[in-house]
Amino acid sequence: MRTSLNAARRAGELAALAAGEVVDLLVVGGGVTGAGIALDAAARGLSVALVEAHDLAFGTSRWSSKLVHGGLRYLAHGDVRLAHESAVERGILMTRTAPHLSRPLPQLLPLHEQVSRGGAAVVRAGLHAGDALRRAARTPSALLPPPRRVSGQEALALAPGLRPAGLRGGLLSFDGQLTDDARLVVALARTAAGYGARVLTRLRVTAVDGDGVAATDGLTGAEVTLRARKVVNAAGVWAGSLVDSVRLRPSLGSHVVVDGTALGGAGTALTVPVPGERNRFVIVLPQRNGLVYIGLTDELFDAEVPDEPTAPESDVDFLLAVASSVLERPLTRSDVLGSYAGLRPLLDAPGRSADLSRKHAVLTAPNGVLTVVGGKLTTYRKMAQDAVDATGLTSRPSPTARLPLVGAASRPELSTLDAPARLVASYGTEARLVAEHPDPVAGEITEGEIRWAVRHEGALSADDVLHRRTRIGLVPTRLESARAAVTALVDEALLAEKP
C-alpha cells in the first residue's frame, strides 16, 4: 500500500479532483472522525477524498487527555450501552488496530480523608463493573489487569509524590493510553491513503452541498470545486458553520502540563476526587516523555469558536488545586510548563455541559450533506462505520475492526524491533526507518522524525511538525528553542519533495 503523504502527492491528487474527477465520498475534516471515515470508506472499496482546512489533527483531536477510555464514566451515568461500546472499541484499538500507539495505564485513586470508606466502596464497585465490561469486550486481563485494593505503602511505591499523611491505601485500576492523539489521526489518514483515499490538507471548504464542495487552496490561493456522490461533514466544532441545521453546544476541556519530576517521576496516573462533586475527578496523567498532563475541565463555551482554544487561568488554578490535594508537595504556577484546551462538539441540549451525552449522531441536512457530531476519541471507529453506512454508497460491511493501522504489529513483535523504544511507541514497525537519521535536532526529537514527517506524514510546515507530528509545542519554552532548527530542516525536506 502507498501510505506516504507528502506535498507531491497532494499536488497531483488535488489537480485530478479539481479537473473534474468525481469521488464516491468526500469527507470534510481531518480529525480523528474524518480520518476514520475516510479509512472506513476506502477500505470498503469506495473512492474517497478528505479535505482539511489546516492540518491533520489540527482541532479537537489533538487536545484530548490521550486516553482510550473503557467507559467507566458512562456507567456512572447509567449509560450501559455507551460504556460497553467504549470498552469494545478500546479493546479493538489496543489489541488489533494500533497496539503500537497504545499501552496499559495504571490508575490509582488515593484513599485520603476526602474519600470516605463508603465512597471508596462505591468507586470500587464501579471499577469492578468496568472490569466486567472489559471481560465482555474480550480484552485480555494480561493487557488490562482487574482492579484491586492496594496498601498505603504500595500506593506510595506506585506514586511517590503522594501525601503519606492520612493515606490508608488506594484503588488501582487500568485503562488505555495513547502515545499521542495526533499520531493516531496521522496513522488513520496514512492507512486510508494506502487504500487510495486522497488526503488534502490546507484546503478550506467555503461552501458545501450534497454532491460537492467549493474550497480554497491554502498554498496557492486557487479556488476549486470538488465533486462527489456523497459529502460527509466531520468538521467537529466547526460543523455548524458548514451546515446551518446543525446545532452544537461546545464544551471546553483544559489541561495543564508539568514536569513529571514534580510528582515523583512515576508512571502511575492519579484519579483525584473534585471536592463537593459526585463522580467528578481530576486525572494526573504521566507521559512517556517525562511530562505529566493534568485535566480535565468541562465547561460550556459560549464564544465564537477559535482555531486554537486556550485554557482559562481559572481552569489552570482549579486543576493545580485539586491535584495538589493528594500530593506531599502542592503544585504551584511555577511548576506549569504549558497548558492546552479543546472544544468538544456536543449536540445542543438543556443542562450542564458535563451532563450532555457523549453519544454520536449522524444527521442529514436538507441538501443531502451528512454531518457526524458528538462521540469520543475512543469510539471514532464506530462513528466512522455508522457514517459510511448512512451514505448508502455500499452494502459491504466495515472491515476496520480487524484492519491494522500503518506501523501496527503485535506487542511481542513490537518488543523485538531493533529501534529505540520511544520511536517504536510512535512509529511501530516503521521505527527502524525513522531511526536511520538519529541526530538530535530538538531535545530528543531527531532528524529522522522531522524528515519522516515531511516525506511520509503530510507535514507541510514547521508548525505541522512542532505541534502535531511531535508535541514540542505543548511547552512554549521548548517550542521557541526548537523552532529555528526544525524550520530549517523542514524547509530543506520540503524543497526535496517539491512537485
Protein backbone atom coordinates (compact mmCIF):
# COMPACT_ATOMS: atom_id res chain seq x y z
CA MET A 1 0.00 0.00 0.00
CA ARG A 2 1.22 3.51 -0.83
CA THR A 3 0.72 5.15 2.55
CA SER A 4 3.09 8.11 2.21
CA LEU A 5 1.56 11.59 2.36
CA ASN A 6 3.64 14.49 1.07
CA ALA A 7 3.48 17.71 -0.95
CA ALA A 8 3.97 15.99 -4.30
CA ARG A 9 1.14 13.53 -3.73
CA ARG A 10 -1.14 16.31 -2.54
CA ALA A 11 -0.50 18.43 -5.62
CA GLY A 12 -1.18 15.57 -8.05
CA GLU A 13 -4.34 14.38 -6.34
CA LEU A 14 -5.75 17.88 -5.91
CA ALA A 15 -5.14 18.63 -9.59
CA ALA A 16 -7.04 15.49 -10.65
CA LEU A 17 -10.02 16.30 -8.43
CA ALA A 18 -10.09 19.97 -9.43
CA ALA A 19 -10.10 18.89 -13.07
CA GLY A 20 -13.46 17.19 -12.55
CA GLU A 21 -12.82 13.68 -11.23
CA VAL A 22 -15.82 12.60 -9.13
CA VAL A 23 -15.26 10.53 -6.00
CA ASP A 24 -17.81 8.39 -4.20
CA LEU A 25 -17.35 10.12 -0.86
CA LEU A 26 -15.90 13.49 0.13
CA VAL A 27 -15.12 13.97 3.83
CA VAL A 28 -14.70 17.45 5.31
CA GLY A 29 -12.47 17.47 8.40
CA GLY A 30 -9.09 15.94 9.15
CA GLY A 31 -9.56 15.00 12.79
CA VAL A 32 -9.97 11.51 14.19
CA THR A 33 -13.58 11.26 12.98
CA GLY A 34 -12.88 12.44 9.44
CA ALA A 35 -9.76 10.31 9.08
CA GLY A 36 -11.67 7.32 10.47
CA ILE A 37 -14.47 7.83 7.95
CA ALA A 38 -12.00 8.12 5.09
CA LEU A 39 -10.35 4.85 6.13
CA ASP A 40 -13.63 3.00 6.59
CA ALA A 41 -14.96 4.09 3.20
CA ALA A 42 -11.73 3.45 1.32
CA ALA A 43 -11.33 0.03 2.95
CA ARG A 44 -14.81 -0.86 1.66
CA GLY A 45 -13.73 -0.05 -1.89
CA LEU A 46 -15.14 3.45 -2.26
CA SER A 47 -13.19 6.27 -3.87
CA VAL A 48 -12.60 8.91 -1.19
CA ALA A 49 -11.27 12.42 -0.76
CA LEU A 50 -10.64 14.02 2.65
CA VAL A 51 -10.22 17.78 2.82
CA GLU A 52 -8.97 19.71 5.84
CA ALA A 53 -8.64 23.49 6.22
CA HIS A 54 -5.43 23.32 8.24
CA ASP A 55 -3.54 20.12 9.07
CA LEU A 56 -4.35 16.62 10.24
CA ALA A 57 -5.42 16.66 13.92
CA PHE A 58 -5.45 20.46 13.93
CA GLY A 59 -8.63 20.72 16.02
CA THR A 60 -10.13 18.90 18.98
CA SER A 61 -8.44 15.57 18.22
CA ARG A 62 -5.04 16.77 19.47
CA TRP A 63 -6.35 18.34 22.67
CA SER A 64 -7.62 15.19 24.39
CA SER A 65 -6.32 13.50 27.55
CA LYS A 66 -4.61 10.93 25.27
CA LEU A 67 -6.67 8.14 26.85
CA VAL A 68 -8.53 5.21 25.33
CA HIS A 69 -11.40 5.01 27.80
CA GLY A 70 -13.17 1.85 28.85
CA GLY A 71 -16.45 3.68 29.50
CA LEU A 72 -16.43 3.85 33.31
CA ARG A 73 -17.76 7.41 33.31
CA TYR A 74 -20.74 6.37 31.20
CA LEU A 75 -21.52 3.58 33.64
CA ALA A 76 -21.70 6.17 36.41
CA HIS A 77 -24.33 8.00 34.35
CA GLY A 78 -26.26 4.76 33.77
CA ASP A 79 -25.47 4.54 30.04
CA VAL A 80 -24.51 0.88 29.81
CA ARG A 81 -24.73 0.74 26.01
CA LEU A 82 -22.24 3.57 25.52
CA ALA A 83 -19.98 2.17 28.24
CA HIS A 84 -19.94 -1.23 26.52
CA GLU A 85 -19.26 0.39 23.15
CA SER A 86 -16.28 2.25 24.62
CA ALA A 87 -14.88 -0.93 26.18
CA VAL A 88 -15.21 -2.81 22.89
CA GLU A 89 -13.54 -0.04 20.89
CA ARG A 90 -10.73 0.27 23.46
CA GLY A 91 -10.05 -3.45 23.08
CA ILE A 92 -10.04 -3.26 19.29
CA LEU A 93 -7.57 -0.39 19.25
CA MET A 94 -5.23 -1.82 21.87
CA THR A 95 -5.16 -5.42 20.59
CA ARG A 96 -5.63 -5.19 16.83
CA THR A 97 -5.62 -1.83 15.09
CA ALA A 98 -2.99 0.17 17.00
CA PRO A 99 -1.05 -1.75 19.66
CA HIS A 100 2.00 0.35 18.75
CA LEU A 101 0.25 3.62 19.63
CA SER A 102 -1.30 2.47 22.91
CA ARG A 103 -0.33 1.00 26.24
CA PRO A 104 -1.96 -0.07 29.51
CA LEU A 105 -2.02 2.75 32.04
CA PRO A 106 -2.23 2.01 35.78
CA GLN A 107 -4.53 4.48 37.54
CA LEU A 108 -4.60 4.98 41.28
CA LEU A 109 -7.34 6.57 43.38
CA PRO A 110 -5.56 7.53 46.63
CA LEU A 111 -7.63 6.95 49.74
CA HIS A 112 -7.10 10.05 51.85
CA GLU A 113 -9.59 11.69 54.19
CA GLN A 114 -11.57 13.25 51.31
CA VAL A 115 -12.64 9.75 50.20
CA SER A 116 -14.90 8.21 52.83
CA ARG A 117 -15.00 4.47 53.30
CA GLY A 118 -18.49 4.44 51.87
CA GLY A 119 -17.34 6.50 48.88
CA ALA A 120 -14.41 4.14 48.33
CA ALA A 121 -16.80 1.19 48.32
CA VAL A 122 -18.92 2.85 45.63
CA VAL A 123 -15.87 3.58 43.48
CA ARG A 124 -14.58 0.05 43.96
CA ALA A 125 -17.92 -1.37 42.81
CA GLY A 126 -17.74 0.88 39.77
CA LEU A 127 -14.23 -0.30 38.94
CA HIS A 128 -15.33 -3.92 39.09
CA ALA A 129 -18.31 -3.10 36.86
CA GLY A 130 -15.85 -1.55 34.43
CA ASP A 131 -13.77 -4.71 34.57
CA ALA A 132 -16.88 -6.72 33.72
CA LEU A 133 -17.16 -4.57 30.59
CA ARG A 134 -13.51 -5.32 29.83
CA ARG A 135 -14.24 -9.04 30.05
CA ALA A 136 -17.39 -8.69 27.95
CA ALA A 137 -15.30 -6.90 25.32
CA ARG A 138 -12.83 -9.83 25.44
CA THR A 139 -9.86 -7.62 26.23
CA PRO A 140 -7.34 -9.93 27.96
CA SER A 141 -6.51 -9.40 31.61
CA ALA A 142 -2.84 -9.82 30.70
CA LEU A 143 -3.21 -6.45 28.92
CA LEU A 144 -5.60 -4.71 31.33
CA PRO A 145 -5.50 -6.42 34.74
CA PRO A 146 -8.52 -6.40 37.07
CA PRO A 147 -8.78 -3.61 39.67
CA ARG A 148 -7.59 -4.20 43.23
CA ARG A 149 -7.13 -2.50 46.57
CA VAL A 150 -3.52 -1.62 47.47
CA SER A 151 -1.94 -0.72 50.80
CA GLY A 152 -0.65 2.71 51.66
CA GLN A 153 2.92 1.50 51.22
CA GLU A 154 2.20 0.13 47.75
CA ALA A 155 0.32 3.30 46.82
CA LEU A 156 3.42 5.35 47.69
CA ALA A 157 5.60 3.00 45.65
CA LEU A 158 3.30 3.44 42.66
CA ALA A 159 3.07 7.22 43.08
CA PRO A 160 5.95 8.58 45.21
CA GLY A 161 4.60 12.13 45.11
CA LEU A 162 1.54 11.26 47.19
CA ARG A 163 0.98 12.78 50.62
CA PRO A 164 1.64 9.93 53.08
CA ALA A 165 -0.27 11.59 55.94
CA GLY A 166 -3.72 10.07 56.17
CA LEU A 167 -3.13 7.70 53.25
CA ARG A 168 -4.88 4.44 54.05
CA GLY A 169 -4.30 2.80 50.67
CA GLY A 170 -5.61 3.16 47.15
CA LEU A 171 -7.76 1.64 44.43
CA LEU A 172 -5.69 0.53 41.44
CA SER A 173 -7.24 0.01 38.01
CA PHE A 174 -6.08 0.00 34.39
CA ASP A 175 -7.17 1.82 31.24
CA GLY A 176 -5.67 2.52 27.82
CA GLN A 177 -3.34 5.39 26.99
CA LEU A 178 -2.24 6.67 23.58
CA THR A 179 1.32 7.62 22.80
CA ASP A 180 -0.32 10.70 21.32
CA ASP A 181 -3.75 11.51 19.91
CA ALA A 182 -2.42 13.40 16.89
CA ARG A 183 -0.26 10.44 15.91
CA LEU A 184 -3.38 8.25 15.88
CA VAL A 185 -5.01 10.65 13.42
CA VAL A 186 -1.94 10.64 11.17
CA ALA A 187 -1.86 6.84 11.22
CA LEU A 188 -5.54 6.70 10.26
CA ALA A 189 -5.05 9.15 7.39
CA ARG A 190 -1.99 7.32 6.07
CA THR A 191 -3.74 3.95 6.26
CA ALA A 192 -6.69 5.46 4.36
CA ALA A 193 -4.24 6.79 1.77
CA GLY A 194 -2.89 3.27 1.40
CA TYR A 195 -6.38 2.23 0.30
CA GLY A 196 -6.46 5.04 -2.24
CA ALA A 197 -8.00 7.91 -0.28
CA ARG A 198 -6.88 11.39 -1.30
CA VAL A 199 -5.89 13.29 1.84
CA LEU A 200 -5.77 17.02 1.11
CA THR A 201 -4.76 19.39 3.92
CA ARG A 202 -4.58 23.19 3.59
CA LEU A 203 -7.83 23.10 1.62
CA ARG A 204 -10.52 25.23 3.28
CA VAL A 205 -14.12 24.44 2.37
CA THR A 206 -16.13 27.62 1.76
CA ALA A 207 -19.42 26.04 0.64
CA VAL A 208 -20.84 22.54 0.87
CA ASP A 209 -23.66 20.72 -0.88
CA GLY A 210 -24.85 17.15 -1.16
CA ASP A 211 -22.70 16.50 -4.21
CA GLY A 212 -19.58 18.53 -3.64
CA VAL A 213 -17.75 21.46 -2.08
CA ALA A 214 -16.15 24.74 -3.04
CA ALA A 215 -12.76 25.24 -1.44
CA THR A 216 -9.71 27.48 -1.35
CA ASP A 217 -6.21 26.06 -1.65
CA GLY A 218 -4.28 27.44 1.30
CA LEU A 219 -0.96 27.01 -0.51
CA THR A 220 -1.80 28.75 -3.79
CA GLY A 221 -4.98 30.72 -3.10
CA ALA A 222 -6.71 28.95 -6.01
CA GLU A 223 -10.49 28.38 -5.83
CA VAL A 224 -11.51 24.81 -6.64
CA THR A 225 -14.70 22.79 -6.88
CA LEU A 226 -14.64 19.12 -5.88
CA ARG A 227 -17.45 16.73 -6.81
CA ALA A 228 -18.68 13.60 -5.05
CA ARG A 229 -21.67 11.29 -4.89
CA LYS A 230 -21.95 11.96 -1.16
CA VAL A 231 -20.47 14.51 1.26
CA VAL A 232 -19.87 13.95 4.98
CA ASN A 233 -19.29 16.91 7.27
CA ALA A 234 -16.87 15.80 10.01
CA ALA A 235 -15.61 19.28 10.90
CA GLY A 236 -16.17 18.85 14.64
CA VAL A 237 -16.94 22.09 16.48
CA TRP A 238 -16.95 23.89 13.12
CA ALA A 239 -19.61 21.58 11.64
CA GLY A 240 -22.38 24.11 12.22
CA SER A 241 -20.57 26.75 10.16
CA LEU A 242 -20.87 24.48 7.12
CA VAL A 243 -24.40 23.15 7.70
CA ASP A 244 -26.91 25.61 9.16
CA SER A 245 -29.24 22.94 10.50
CA VAL A 246 -26.56 21.55 12.85
CA ARG A 247 -26.82 22.96 16.39
CA LEU A 248 -23.87 22.33 18.69
CA ARG A 249 -23.09 23.27 22.27
CA PRO A 250 -19.30 23.16 22.56
CA SER A 251 -17.72 22.21 25.87
CA LEU A 252 -14.23 23.39 26.82
CA GLY A 253 -11.82 20.91 28.38
CA SER A 254 -8.50 22.20 29.74
CA HIS A 255 -5.24 20.50 30.73
CA VAL A 256 -2.09 21.69 32.48
CA VAL A 257 1.38 20.40 31.52
CA VAL A 258 4.00 19.90 34.26
CA ASP A 259 7.33 18.13 34.61
CA GLY A 260 6.96 14.58 35.92
CA THR A 261 9.71 15.08 38.47
CA ALA A 262 7.35 17.41 40.36
CA LEU A 263 5.22 14.35 41.14
CA GLY A 264 7.97 11.86 41.86
CA GLY A 265 8.51 10.65 38.30
CA ALA A 266 6.31 7.55 38.50
CA GLY A 267 4.33 6.06 35.64
CA THR A 268 1.04 5.63 37.51
CA ALA A 269 -1.83 8.01 36.81
CA LEU A 270 -3.78 9.53 39.69
CA THR A 271 -7.54 9.90 39.91
CA VAL A 272 -8.32 12.74 42.31
CA PRO A 273 -11.87 13.48 43.55
CA VAL A 274 -13.16 17.02 42.99
CA PRO A 275 -14.32 18.40 46.36
CA GLY A 276 -18.08 18.76 46.63
CA GLU A 277 -18.75 16.84 43.41
CA ARG A 278 -20.04 13.34 42.84
CA ASN A 279 -18.45 11.19 40.14
CA ARG A 280 -16.15 14.01 39.05
CA PHE A 281 -12.38 13.66 39.14
CA VAL A 282 -9.18 15.33 38.02
CA ILE A 283 -6.72 12.96 36.40
CA VAL A 284 -2.94 13.24 36.62
CA LEU A 285 -1.51 11.54 33.55
CA PRO A 286 2.21 10.67 33.19
CA GLN A 287 3.52 10.58 29.62
CA ARG A 288 6.34 8.57 28.08
CA ASN A 289 8.41 11.73 27.55
CA GLY A 290 8.52 12.64 31.25
CA LEU A 291 5.77 15.25 31.11
CA VAL A 292 2.53 14.99 33.06
CA TYR A 293 -0.85 16.24 31.85
CA ILE A 294 -3.40 17.26 34.47
CA GLY A 295 -7.03 17.51 33.39
CA LEU A 296 -9.90 17.80 32.76
CA THR A 297 -12.40 20.62 32.97
CA ASP A 298 -15.80 20.53 31.30
CA GLU A 299 -17.42 23.93 30.88
CA LEU A 300 -19.95 25.40 28.47
CA PHE A 301 -18.26 27.51 25.78
CA ASP A 302 -20.48 30.34 24.53
CA ALA A 303 -18.00 32.40 22.50
CA GLU A 304 -17.16 32.17 18.81
CA VAL A 305 -15.17 29.02 18.12
CA PRO A 306 -11.45 29.89 17.71
CA ASP A 307 -8.94 27.94 15.63
CA GLU A 308 -6.93 27.17 18.77
CA PRO A 309 -8.64 27.48 22.17
CA THR A 310 -6.66 28.40 25.27
CA ALA A 311 -7.04 27.19 28.83
CA PRO A 312 -8.56 29.89 31.08
CA GLU A 313 -6.45 30.94 34.06
CA SER A 314 -9.28 29.80 36.35
CA ASP A 315 -9.06 26.29 34.87
CA VAL A 316 -5.31 26.18 35.48
CA ASP A 317 -5.78 27.20 39.12
CA PHE A 318 -8.59 24.67 39.59
CA LEU A 319 -6.58 21.75 38.15
CA LEU A 320 -3.50 22.59 40.22
CA ALA A 321 -5.54 22.88 43.41
CA VAL A 322 -7.40 19.59 43.02
CA ALA A 323 -4.28 17.64 42.01
CA SER A 324 -2.36 19.14 44.93
CA SER A 325 -4.94 17.92 47.42
CA VAL A 326 -3.34 14.45 47.37
CA LEU A 327 0.32 15.46 46.93
CA GLU A 328 3.06 15.86 49.51
CA ARG A 329 4.32 18.98 47.71
CA PRO A 330 1.48 21.09 46.33
CA LEU A 331 1.86 22.24 42.74
CA THR A 332 2.19 25.96 42.04
CA ARG A 333 2.20 28.16 38.97
CA SER A 334 5.99 27.80 38.83
CA ASP A 335 5.51 24.09 38.04
CA VAL A 336 3.39 24.80 34.96
CA LEU A 337 5.30 24.26 31.71
CA GLY A 338 2.27 24.79 29.48
CA SER A 339 -1.45 24.27 29.10
CA TYR A 340 -3.92 23.35 26.39
CA ALA A 341 -7.66 23.24 25.83
CA GLY A 342 -10.01 21.61 23.36
CA LEU A 343 -13.65 22.04 22.40
CA ARG A 344 -15.96 19.02 22.31
CA PRO A 345 -18.60 19.09 19.54
CA LEU A 346 -21.60 18.12 21.67
CA LEU A 347 -25.18 18.26 20.40
CA ASP A 348 -27.17 21.15 21.84
CA ALA A 349 -29.40 20.16 24.75
CA PRO A 350 -30.53 21.64 28.09
CA GLY A 351 -28.40 21.19 31.21
CA ARG A 352 -24.74 21.43 32.23
CA SER A 353 -22.15 20.58 29.59
CA ALA A 354 -20.74 17.91 31.92
CA ASP A 355 -24.09 16.13 31.75
CA LEU A 356 -24.55 16.25 27.97
CA SER A 357 -24.43 12.91 26.23
CA ARG A 358 -21.18 11.78 24.61
CA LYS A 359 -23.15 9.69 22.12
CA HIS A 360 -22.51 10.45 18.48
CA ALA A 361 -25.12 11.24 15.87
CA VAL A 362 -25.27 11.15 12.07
CA LEU A 363 -27.56 13.93 10.82
CA THR A 364 -28.88 14.52 7.29
CA ALA A 365 -29.33 18.12 6.13
CA PRO A 366 -32.00 19.16 3.61
CA ASN A 367 -29.31 19.47 0.93
CA GLY A 368 -28.21 15.87 1.48
CA VAL A 369 -25.00 16.55 3.42
CA LEU A 370 -24.38 14.08 6.25
CA THR A 371 -22.93 15.51 9.46
CA VAL A 372 -21.25 13.44 12.19
CA VAL A 373 -21.07 15.06 15.63
CA GLY A 374 -20.67 14.11 19.27
CA GLY A 375 -18.85 10.98 20.33
CA LYS A 376 -15.43 10.46 21.86
CA LEU A 377 -11.96 9.75 20.52
CA THR A 378 -12.18 6.18 21.81
CA THR A 379 -15.25 5.44 19.69
CA TYR A 380 -14.03 7.08 16.46
CA ARG A 381 -14.11 3.75 14.58
CA LYS A 382 -17.77 3.10 15.39
CA MET A 383 -18.64 6.68 14.46
CA ALA A 384 -16.91 6.22 11.12
CA GLN A 385 -18.65 2.92 10.48
CA ASP A 386 -22.07 4.45 11.19
CA ALA A 387 -21.34 7.42 8.94
CA VAL A 388 -20.32 5.28 5.98
CA ASP A 389 -23.33 3.02 6.50
CA ALA A 390 -25.55 6.13 6.41
CA THR A 391 -24.24 7.20 3.00
CA GLY A 392 -25.92 4.22 1.33
CA LEU A 393 -22.98 4.01 -1.07
CA THR A 394 -22.07 0.42 -0.24
CA SER A 395 -23.56 -2.67 1.33
CA ARG A 396 -20.16 -4.10 2.21
CA PRO A 397 -19.62 -4.41 5.97
CA SER A 398 -16.91 -2.36 7.63
CA PRO A 399 -13.58 -4.23 7.89
CA THR A 400 -11.90 -1.74 10.22
CA ALA A 401 -12.28 -3.73 13.45
CA ARG A 402 -9.57 -6.05 12.15
CA LEU A 403 -7.60 -3.65 9.99
CA PRO A 404 -4.21 -2.73 11.49
CA LEU A 405 -3.08 0.86 11.06
CA VAL A 406 0.23 1.68 9.43
CA GLY A 407 3.07 0.60 11.73
CA ALA A 408 0.94 -1.82 13.75
CA ALA A 409 2.13 -5.22 14.94
CA SER A 410 1.53 -7.48 17.90
CA ARG A 411 3.07 -6.43 21.20
CA PRO A 412 5.56 -9.33 21.17
CA GLU A 413 6.68 -8.31 17.67
CA LEU A 414 6.98 -4.66 18.66
CA SER A 415 9.17 -5.60 21.65
CA THR A 416 11.74 -7.22 19.35
CA LEU A 417 12.17 -4.33 16.89
CA ASP A 418 15.70 -3.04 16.53
CA ALA A 419 14.89 0.60 17.25
CA PRO A 420 14.65 2.88 20.30
CA ALA A 421 11.53 2.15 22.39
CA ARG A 422 10.48 5.81 22.15
CA LEU A 423 10.35 5.58 18.37
CA VAL A 424 8.57 2.21 18.41
CA ALA A 425 5.85 3.79 20.56
CA SER A 426 5.27 6.46 17.92
CA TYR A 427 6.02 4.67 14.64
CA GLY A 428 5.66 0.96 15.32
CA THR A 429 7.30 -1.19 12.66
CA GLU A 430 8.45 1.94 10.80
CA ALA A 431 10.63 2.97 13.76
CA ARG A 432 13.74 1.35 12.32
CA LEU A 433 13.42 3.53 9.19
CA VAL A 434 12.95 6.69 11.25
CA ALA A 435 15.97 5.69 13.34
CA GLU A 436 18.26 5.80 10.29
CA HIS A 437 18.78 9.52 10.98
CA PRO A 438 19.34 9.58 14.76
CA ASP A 439 20.94 13.02 15.14
CA PRO A 440 19.03 15.07 17.74
CA VAL A 441 17.50 18.32 16.48
CA ALA A 442 15.22 19.47 19.29
CA GLY A 443 15.61 17.73 22.65
CA GLU A 444 15.03 14.05 21.98
CA ILE A 445 13.37 14.71 18.59
CA THR A 446 15.66 13.52 15.81
CA GLU A 447 16.40 14.49 12.24
CA GLY A 448 14.79 11.23 11.15
CA GLU A 449 11.46 12.16 12.77
CA ILE A 450 11.36 15.54 11.06
CA ARG A 451 12.29 14.19 7.63
CA TRP A 452 9.78 11.35 8.04
CA ALA A 453 7.03 13.83 8.91
CA VAL A 454 7.58 15.70 5.63
CA ARG A 455 8.17 12.71 3.37
CA HIS A 456 5.55 10.34 4.70
CA GLU A 457 3.16 12.06 7.15
CA GLY A 458 1.93 15.04 5.15
CA ALA A 459 3.68 17.78 7.15
CA LEU A 460 3.78 20.94 5.02
CA SER A 461 5.30 23.38 7.53
CA ALA A 462 7.45 23.57 10.64
CA ASP A 463 4.30 24.15 12.71
CA ASP A 464 2.89 20.82 11.48
CA VAL A 465 5.98 19.12 12.90
CA LEU A 466 6.27 21.17 16.09
CA HIS A 467 2.61 20.95 17.09
CA ARG A 468 1.19 17.75 15.58
CA ARG A 469 3.80 15.25 14.31
CA THR A 470 5.70 15.88 17.53
CA ARG A 471 4.27 17.71 20.56
CA ILE A 472 7.15 20.08 21.20
CA GLY A 473 4.64 22.91 21.05
CA LEU A 474 2.94 21.88 24.29
CA VAL A 475 5.80 23.52 26.22
CA PRO A 476 6.31 27.10 24.95
CA THR A 477 9.94 27.39 26.09
CA ARG A 478 10.86 24.19 24.25
CA LEU A 479 8.92 25.38 21.22
CA GLU A 480 10.88 28.59 20.88
CA SER A 481 14.25 26.92 21.40
CA ALA A 482 13.44 24.30 18.75
CA ARG A 483 11.72 26.44 16.12
CA ALA A 484 14.76 27.63 14.15
CA ALA A 485 16.40 24.21 13.81
CA VAL A 486 13.15 22.43 12.97
CA THR A 487 12.16 25.11 10.44
CA ALA A 488 15.47 24.82 8.61
CA LEU A 489 15.21 21.05 8.35
CA VAL A 490 11.54 21.12 7.30
CA ASP A 491 12.29 23.71 4.60
CA GLU A 492 15.12 21.54 3.30
CA ALA A 493 12.93 18.45 3.28
CA LEU A 494 10.05 20.26 1.56
CA LEU A 495 12.38 21.52 -1.13
CA ALA A 496 13.43 17.94 -1.82
CA GLU A 497 9.74 16.92 -2.03
CA LYS A 498 8.69 19.86 -4.22
CA PRO A 499 6.49 18.57 -7.07
